[in-house]
Amino acid sequence: MAEHKHGEMNIDVQEKTFDGFIRFTVWGVVVSISILLFMALVNS
């Protein structure tokens, strides 16, 4: 069995995926809040 050495794995792909997920989540929250605010203003 290969010996594990901490910190040697290439994680560029995982970091890009995580960054994309965070960006998508932030935009989703912003859009959702914007829609809710627009609905609240229109229905007042």
Protein backbone atom coordinates (compact mmCIF):
# COMPACT_ATOMS: atom_id res chain seq x y z
CA MET A 1 0.00 0.00 0.00
CA ALA A 2 1.28 3.45 -0.89
CA GLU A 3 2.26 5.70 1.95
CA HIS A 4 0.13 8.82 2.32
CA LYS A 5 2.01 12.12 2.42
CA HIS A 6 -0.08 15.06 3.57
CA GLY A 7 -0.23 18.01 1.17
CA GLU A 8 1.08 16.34 -2.01
CA MET A 9 -2.19 15.79 -3.85
CA ASN A 10 -3.03 18.11 -6.75
CA ILE A 11 -6.35 19.73 -5.80
CA ASP A 12 -6.66 22.36 -8.55
CA VAL A 13 -9.78 20.74 -10.02
CA GLN A 14 -11.46 20.43 -6.62
CA GLU A 15 -10.70 24.08 -5.82
CA LYS A 16 -12.17 25.24 -9.15
CA THR A 17 -15.28 23.13 -8.55
CA PHE A 18 -15.70 24.53 -5.03
CA ASP A 19 -15.23 28.11 -6.27
CA GLY A 20 -17.86 27.53 -8.94
CA PHE A 21 -20.25 26.06 -6.38
CA ILE A 22 -19.80 29.04 -4.05
CA ARG A 23 -20.25 31.51 -6.92
CA PHE A 24 -23.42 29.71 -8.07
CA THR A 25 -24.79 29.65 -4.52
CA VAL A 26 -24.11 33.35 -3.91
CA TRP A 27 -25.77 34.33 -7.21
CA GLY A 28 -28.72 32.07 -6.40
CA VAL A 29 -29.19 33.76 -3.03
CA VAL A 30 -28.89 37.24 -4.56
CA VAL A 31 -31.44 36.43 -7.25
CA SER A 32 -33.83 34.87 -4.72
CA ILE A 33 -33.65 37.88 -2.39
CA SER A 34 -34.07 40.25 -5.33
CA ILE A 35 -37.19 38.41 -6.50
CA LEU A 36 -38.65 38.45 -2.99
CA LEU A 37 -37.97 42.18 -2.60
CA PHE A 38 -39.52 42.89 -6.00
CA MET A 39 -42.61 40.86 -5.09
CA ALA A 40 -42.90 42.66 -1.76
CA LEU A 41 -42.66 46.09 -3.41
CA VAL A 42 -45.13 45.26 -6.18
CA ASN A 43 -47.74 43.77 -3.83
CA SER A 44 -47.63 46.62 -1.31
